[in-house]
Amino acid sequence: AVRARLAEAADLVDVEGYAVAWVARRYDIPVNLIKLVSDPADEDAGRLWIDGVAECSRVLSEYLAAER
């Protein structure tokens, strides 16, 4: 029921990032999360994942190079 309600309003769900942020806040540790979408959450996810990871790697590399 909760998942269905979230799906109506949200395009993305970030479970892992929330956990990292929660622990960092709990222990007063500064954290920055940089997240990229590597694949859709549907039946094509496995097929598209490898292409998505390659693209995310490229984008993240460019971002980190610009931050230096």
PDB file of N, CA and C in Angstrom:
ATOM      1  N   ALA A   1       0.827  -1.195   0.000  1.00  0.00           N
ATOM      2  CA  ALA A   1       0.000   0.000   0.000  1.00  0.00           C
ATOM      3  C   ALA A   1       0.870   1.257   0.000  1.00  0.00           C
ATOM      4  N   VAL A   2       1.883   1.290   0.852  1.00  0.00           N
ATOM      5  CA  VAL A   2       2.768   2.450   0.913  1.00  0.00           C
ATOM      6  C   VAL A   2       3.535   2.593  -0.394  1.00  0.00           C
ATOM      7  N   ARG A   3       4.038   1.488  -0.904  1.00  0.00           N
ATOM      8  CA  ARG A   3       4.801   1.523  -2.162  1.00  0.00           C
ATOM      9  C   ARG A   3       3.930   2.044  -3.303  1.00  0.00           C
ATOM     10  N   ALA A   4       2.695   1.622  -3.368  1.00  0.00           N
ATOM     11  CA  ALA A   4       1.791   2.075  -4.426  1.00  0.00           C
ATOM     12  C   ALA A   4       1.548   3.577  -4.324  1.00  0.00           C
ATOM     13  N   ARG A   5       1.370   4.090  -3.112  1.00  0.00           N
ATOM     14  CA  ARG A   5       1.162   5.534  -2.930  1.00  0.00           C
ATOM     15  C   ARG A   5       2.414   6.317  -3.329  1.00  0.00           C
ATOM     16  N   LEU A   6       3.575   5.813  -2.961  1.00  0.00           N
ATOM     17  CA  LEU A   6       4.815   6.483  -3.354  1.00  0.00           C
ATOM     18  C   LEU A   6       4.982   6.489  -4.864  1.00  0.00           C
ATOM     19  N   ALA A   7       4.657   5.388  -5.508  1.00  0.00           N
ATOM     20  CA  ALA A   7       4.807   5.273  -6.961  1.00  0.00           C
ATOM     21  C   ALA A   7       3.944   6.284  -7.702  1.00  0.00           C
ATOM     22  N   GLU A   8       2.819   6.671  -7.111  1.00  0.00           N
ATOM     23  CA  GLU A   8       1.947   7.657  -7.751  1.00  0.00           C
ATOM     24  C   GLU A   8       2.572   9.047  -7.760  1.00  0.00           C
ATOM     25  N   ALA A   9       3.398   9.352  -6.765  1.00  0.00           N
ATOM     26  CA  ALA A   9       3.922  10.709  -6.623  1.00  0.00           C
ATOM     27  C   ALA A   9       5.413  10.841  -6.919  1.00  0.00           C
ATOM     28  N   ALA A  10       6.151   9.746  -6.862  1.00  0.00           N
ATOM     29  CA  ALA A  10       7.611   9.836  -6.964  1.00  0.00           C
ATOM     30  C   ALA A  10       8.126   9.201  -8.247  1.00  0.00           C
ATOM     31  N   ASP A  11       9.110   9.834  -8.828  1.00  0.00           N
ATOM     32  CA  ASP A  11       9.786   9.259  -9.988  1.00  0.00           C
ATOM     33  C   ASP A  11      10.955   8.385  -9.564  1.00  0.00           C
ATOM     34  N   LEU A  12      11.547   8.700  -8.405  1.00  0.00           N
ATOM     35  CA  LEU A  12      12.713   7.967  -7.910  1.00  0.00           C
ATOM     36  C   LEU A  12      12.561   7.674  -6.426  1.00  0.00           C
ATOM     37  N   VAL A  13      13.183   6.608  -5.992  1.00  0.00           N
ATOM     38  CA  VAL A  13      13.263   6.275  -4.574  1.00  0.00           C
ATOM     39  C   VAL A  13      14.724   5.973  -4.273  1.00  0.00           C
ATOM     40  N   ASP A  14      15.264   6.607  -3.248  1.00  0.00           N
ATOM     41  CA  ASP A  14      16.676   6.438  -2.902  1.00  0.00           C
ATOM     42  C   ASP A  14      16.788   5.835  -1.510  1.00  0.00           C
ATOM     43  N   VAL A  15      16.777   4.534  -1.429  1.00  0.00           N
ATOM     44  CA  VAL A  15      16.832   3.837  -0.148  1.00  0.00           C
ATOM     45  C   VAL A  15      18.238   3.886   0.439  1.00  0.00           C
ATOM     46  N   GLU A  16      19.240   3.599  -0.345  1.00  0.00           N
ATOM     47  CA  GLU A  16      20.613   3.540   0.156  1.00  0.00           C
ATOM     48  C   GLU A  16      21.097   4.899   0.634  1.00  0.00           C
ATOM     49  N   GLY A  17      20.825   5.934  -0.128  1.00  0.00           N
ATOM     50  CA  GLY A  17      21.254   7.278   0.254  1.00  0.00           C
ATOM     51  C   GLY A  17      20.636   7.722   1.561  1.00  0.00           C
ATOM     52  N   TYR A  18      19.382   7.384   1.770  1.00  0.00           N
ATOM     53  CA  TYR A  18      18.723   7.731   3.030  1.00  0.00           C
ATOM     54  C   TYR A  18      19.439   7.078   4.198  1.00  0.00           C
ATOM     55  N   ALA A  19      19.804   5.821   4.058  1.00  0.00           N
ATOM     56  CA  ALA A  19      20.493   5.107   5.137  1.00  0.00           C
ATOM     57  C   ALA A  19      21.837   5.759   5.456  1.00  0.00           C
ATOM     58  N   VAL A  20      22.588   6.123   4.439  1.00  0.00           N
ATOM     59  CA  VAL A  20      23.883   6.782   4.648  1.00  0.00           C
ATOM     60  C   VAL A  20      23.682   8.124   5.349  1.00  0.00           C
ATOM     61  N   ALA A  21      22.726   8.912   4.880  1.00  0.00           N
ATOM     62  CA  ALA A  21      22.460  10.216   5.485  1.00  0.00           C
ATOM     63  C   ALA A  21      21.988  10.078   6.929  1.00  0.00           C
ATOM     64  N   TRP A  22      21.165   9.090   7.200  1.00  0.00           N
ATOM     65  CA  TRP A  22      20.660   8.877   8.556  1.00  0.00           C
ATOM     66  C   TRP A  22      21.801   8.568   9.519  1.00  0.00           C
ATOM     67  N   VAL A  23      22.682   7.651   9.138  1.00  0.00           N
ATOM     68  CA  VAL A  23      23.816   7.282   9.996  1.00  0.00           C
ATOM     69  C   VAL A  23      24.751   8.479  10.180  1.00  0.00           C
ATOM     70  N   ALA A  24      25.022   9.204   9.112  1.00  0.00           N
ATOM     71  CA  ALA A  24      25.895  10.376   9.210  1.00  0.00           C
ATOM     72  C   ALA A  24      25.312  11.404  10.173  1.00  0.00           C
ATOM     73  N   ARG A  25      24.027  11.638  10.079  1.00  0.00           N
ATOM     74  CA  ARG A  25      23.385  12.598  10.984  1.00  0.00           C
ATOM     75  C   ARG A  25      23.425  12.096  12.420  1.00  0.00           C
ATOM     76  N   ARG A  26      23.155  10.832  12.596  1.00  0.00           N
ATOM     77  CA  ARG A  26      23.140  10.226  13.940  1.00  0.00           C
ATOM     78  C   ARG A  26      24.478  10.390  14.637  1.00  0.00           C
ATOM     79  N   TYR A  27      25.574  10.265  13.887  1.00  0.00           N
ATOM     80  CA  TYR A  27      26.915  10.358  14.461  1.00  0.00           C
ATOM     81  C   TYR A  27      27.597  11.697  14.167  1.00  0.00           C
ATOM     82  N   ASP A  28      26.803  12.665  13.710  1.00  0.00           N
ATOM     83  CA  ASP A  28      27.297  14.018  13.448  1.00  0.00           C
ATOM     84  C   ASP A  28      28.510  14.013  12.512  1.00  0.00           C
ATOM     85  N   ILE A  29      28.383  13.272  11.422  1.00  0.00           N
ATOM     86  CA  ILE A  29      29.435  13.171  10.411  1.00  0.00           C
ATOM     87  C   ILE A  29      28.945  13.879   9.144  1.00  0.00           C
ATOM     88  N   PRO A  30      29.681  14.873   8.659  1.00  0.00           N
ATOM     89  CA  PRO A  30      29.268  15.525   7.412  1.00  0.00           C
ATOM     90  C   PRO A  30      29.295  14.536   6.242  1.00  0.00           C
ATOM     91  N   VAL A  31      28.329  14.654   5.375  1.00  0.00           N
ATOM     92  CA  VAL A  31      28.273  13.761   4.220  1.00  0.00           C
ATOM     93  C   VAL A  31      27.645  14.497   3.036  1.00  0.00           C
ATOM     94  N   ASN A  32      28.173  14.244   1.862  1.00  0.00           N
ATOM     95  CA  ASN A  32      27.570  14.700   0.610  1.00  0.00           C
ATOM     96  C   ASN A  32      27.304  13.464  -0.229  1.00  0.00           C
ATOM     97  N   LEU A  33      26.105  13.360  -0.744  1.00  0.00           N
ATOM     98  CA  LEU A  33      25.750  12.233  -1.602  1.00  0.00           C
ATOM     99  C   LEU A  33      25.594  12.731  -3.031  1.00  0.00           C
ATOM    100  N   ILE A  34      26.237  12.055  -3.936  1.00  0.00           N
ATOM    101  CA  ILE A  34      26.085  12.338  -5.363  1.00  0.00           C
ATOM    102  C   ILE A  34      25.476  11.086  -5.965  1.00  0.00           C
ATOM    103  N   LYS A  35      24.258  11.205  -6.440  1.00  0.00           N
ATOM    104  CA  LYS A  35      23.533  10.039  -6.943  1.00  0.00           C
ATOM    105  C   LYS A  35      23.200  10.243  -8.416  1.00  0.00           C
ATOM    106  N   LEU A  36      23.296   9.171  -9.166  1.00  0.00           N
ATOM    107  CA  LEU A  36      22.909   9.169 -10.571  1.00  0.00           C
ATOM    108  C   LEU A  36      21.989   7.983 -10.809  1.00  0.00           C
ATOM    109  N   VAL A  37      21.065   8.132 -11.710  1.00  0.00           N
ATOM    110  CA  VAL A  37      20.147   7.045 -12.048  1.00  0.00           C
ATOM    111  C   VAL A  37      20.797   6.184 -13.121  1.00  0.00           C
ATOM    112  N   SER A  38      21.022   4.912 -12.794  1.00  0.00           N
ATOM    113  CA  SER A  38      21.708   4.024 -13.733  1.00  0.00           C
ATOM    114  C   SER A  38      20.754   3.189 -14.579  1.00  0.00           C
ATOM    115  N   ASP A  39      19.524   3.019 -14.114  1.00  0.00           N
ATOM    116  CA  ASP A  39      18.576   2.202 -14.868  1.00  0.00           C
ATOM    117  C   ASP A  39      17.160   2.463 -14.377  1.00  0.00           C
ATOM    118  N   PRO A  40      16.168   2.129 -15.192  1.00  0.00           N
ATOM    119  CA  PRO A  40      14.779   2.259 -14.756  1.00  0.00           C
ATOM    120  C   PRO A  40      14.415   1.103 -13.826  1.00  0.00           C
ATOM    121  N   ALA A  41      13.433   1.312 -13.011  1.00  0.00           N
ATOM    122  CA  ALA A  41      12.984   0.256 -12.094  1.00  0.00           C
ATOM    123  C   ALA A  41      11.839  -0.515 -12.746  1.00  0.00           C
ATOM    124  N   ASP A  42      12.143  -1.164 -13.842  1.00  0.00           N
ATOM    125  CA  ASP A  42      11.124  -1.954 -14.530  1.00  0.00           C
ATOM    126  C   ASP A  42      11.759  -3.213 -15.111  1.00  0.00           C
ATOM    127  N   GLU A  43      11.037  -3.884 -15.967  1.00  0.00           N
ATOM    128  CA  GLU A  43      11.521  -5.155 -16.510  1.00  0.00           C
ATOM    129  C   GLU A  43      12.755  -5.005 -17.403  1.00  0.00           C
ATOM    130  N   ASP A  44      13.043  -3.801 -17.874  1.00  0.00           N
ATOM    131  CA  ASP A  44      14.222  -3.564 -18.711  1.00  0.00           C
ATOM    132  C   ASP A  44      15.480  -3.246 -17.903  1.00  0.00           C
ATOM    133  N   ALA A  45      15.367  -3.188 -16.588  1.00  0.00           N
ATOM    134  CA  ALA A  45      16.473  -2.730 -15.741  1.00  0.00           C
ATOM    135  C   ALA A  45      17.756  -3.524 -15.973  1.00  0.00           C
ATOM    136  N   GLY A  46      17.678  -4.825 -15.983  1.00  0.00           N
ATOM    137  CA  GLY A  46      18.878  -5.638 -16.155  1.00  0.00           C
ATOM    138  C   GLY A  46      19.558  -5.407 -17.484  1.00  0.00           C
ATOM    139  N   ARG A  47      18.773  -5.277 -18.517  1.00  0.00           N
ATOM    140  CA  ARG A  47      19.311  -5.077 -19.863  1.00  0.00           C
ATOM    141  C   ARG A  47      19.946  -3.697 -20.003  1.00  0.00           C
ATOM    142  N   LEU A  48      19.348  -2.695 -19.380  1.00  0.00           N
ATOM    143  CA  LEU A  48      19.815  -1.319 -19.534  1.00  0.00           C
ATOM    144  C   LEU A  48      20.871  -0.919 -18.510  1.00  0.00           C
ATOM    145  N   TRP A  49      21.061  -1.722 -17.473  1.00  0.00           N
ATOM    146  CA  TRP A  49      21.950  -1.358 -16.377  1.00  0.00           C
ATOM    147  C   TRP A  49      23.376  -1.097 -16.843  1.00  0.00           C
ATOM    148  N   ILE A  50      23.923  -1.954 -17.654  1.00  0.00           N
ATOM    149  CA  ILE A  50      25.323  -1.806 -18.059  1.00  0.00           C
ATOM    150  C   ILE A  50      25.549  -0.505 -18.827  1.00  0.00           C
ATOM    151  N   ASP A  51      24.624  -0.132 -19.691  1.00  0.00           N
ATOM    152  CA  ASP A  51      24.741   1.141 -20.410  1.00  0.00           C
ATOM    153  C   ASP A  51      24.595   2.312 -19.452  1.00  0.00           C
ATOM    154  N   GLY A  52      23.673   2.186 -18.513  1.00  0.00           N
ATOM    155  CA  GLY A  52      23.460   3.251 -17.531  1.00  0.00           C
ATOM    156  C   GLY A  52      24.668   3.469 -16.653  1.00  0.00           C
ATOM    157  N   VAL A  53      25.309   2.397 -16.236  1.00  0.00           N
ATOM    158  CA  VAL A  53      26.497   2.514 -15.390  1.00  0.00           C
ATOM    159  C   VAL A  53      27.625   3.204 -16.152  1.00  0.00           C
ATOM    160  N   ALA A  54      27.805   2.854 -17.397  1.00  0.00           N
ATOM    161  CA  ALA A  54      28.849   3.494 -18.204  1.00  0.00           C
ATOM    162  C   ALA A  54      28.593   4.998 -18.323  1.00  0.00           C
ATOM    163  N   GLU A  55      27.362   5.378 -18.582  1.00  0.00           N
ATOM    164  CA  GLU A  55      27.018   6.800 -18.701  1.00  0.00           C
ATOM    165  C   GLU A  55      27.181   7.508 -17.360  1.00  0.00           C
ATOM    166  N   CYS A  56      26.741   6.885 -16.280  1.00  0.00           N
ATOM    167  CA  CYS A  56      26.885   7.489 -14.951  1.00  0.00           C
ATOM    168  C   CYS A  56      28.355   7.671 -14.595  1.00  0.00           C
ATOM    169  N   SER A  57      29.178   6.725 -14.955  1.00  0.00           N
ATOM    170  CA  SER A  57      30.613   6.825 -14.695  1.00  0.00           C
ATOM    171  C   SER A  57      31.208   8.029 -15.418  1.00  0.00           C
ATOM    172  N   ARG A  58      30.805   8.222 -16.650  1.00  0.00           N
ATOM    173  CA  ARG A  58      31.295   9.356 -17.433  1.00  0.00           C
ATOM    174  C   ARG A  58      30.858  10.676 -16.797  1.00  0.00           C
ATOM    175  N   VAL A  59      29.580  10.781 -16.441  1.00  0.00           N
ATOM    176  CA  VAL A  59      29.045  12.009 -15.849  1.00  0.00           C
ATOM    177  C   VAL A  59      29.711  12.293 -14.504  1.00  0.00           C
ATOM    178  N   LEU A  60      29.863  11.275 -13.678  1.00  0.00           N
ATOM    179  CA  LEU A  60      30.490  11.455 -12.372  1.00  0.00           C
ATOM    180  C   LEU A  60      31.949  11.884 -12.515  1.00  0.00           C
ATOM    181  N   SER A  61      32.664  11.299 -13.456  1.00  0.00           N
ATOM    182  CA  SER A  61      34.060  11.690 -13.694  1.00  0.00           C
ATOM    183  C   SER A  61      34.159  13.158 -14.083  1.00  0.00           C
ATOM    184  N   GLU A  62      33.267  13.605 -14.948  1.00  0.00           N
ATOM    185  CA  GLU A  62      33.261  15.011 -15.360  1.00  0.00           C
ATOM    186  C   GLU A  62      32.949  15.921 -14.176  1.00  0.00           C
ATOM    187  N   TYR A  63      31.982  15.524 -13.367  1.00  0.00           N
ATOM    188  CA  TYR A  63      31.605  16.322 -12.197  1.00  0.00           C
ATOM    189  C   TYR A  63      32.774  16.443 -11.221  1.00  0.00           C
ATOM    190  N   LEU A  64      33.402  15.331 -10.908  1.00  0.00           N
ATOM    191  CA  LEU A  64      34.511  15.344  -9.957  1.00  0.00           C
ATOM    192  C   LEU A  64      35.704  16.134 -10.488  1.00  0.00           C
ATOM    193  N   ALA A  65      35.970  16.046 -11.773  1.00  0.00           N
ATOM    194  CA  ALA A  65      37.060  16.818 -12.367  1.00  0.00           C
ATOM    195  C   ALA A  65      36.781  18.316 -12.254  1.00  0.00           C
ATOM    196  N   ALA A  66      35.534  18.711 -12.424  1.00  0.00           N
ATOM    197  CA  ALA A  66      35.162  20.123 -12.326  1.00  0.00           C
ATOM    198  C   ALA A  66      35.224  20.628 -10.886  1.00  0.00           C
ATOM    199  N   GLU A  67      35.033  19.755  -9.918  1.00  0.00           N
ATOM    200  CA  GLU A  67      35.054  20.132  -8.504  1.00  0.00           C
ATOM    201  C   GLU A  67      36.465  20.347  -7.975  1.00  0.00           C
ATOM    202  N   ARG A  68      37.460  19.834  -8.648  1.00  0.00           N
ATOM    203  CA  ARG A  68      38.850  19.948  -8.157  1.00  0.00           C
ATOM    204  C   ARG A  68      39.413  21.298  -8.360  1.00  0.00           C
TER     205      ARG A  68
END
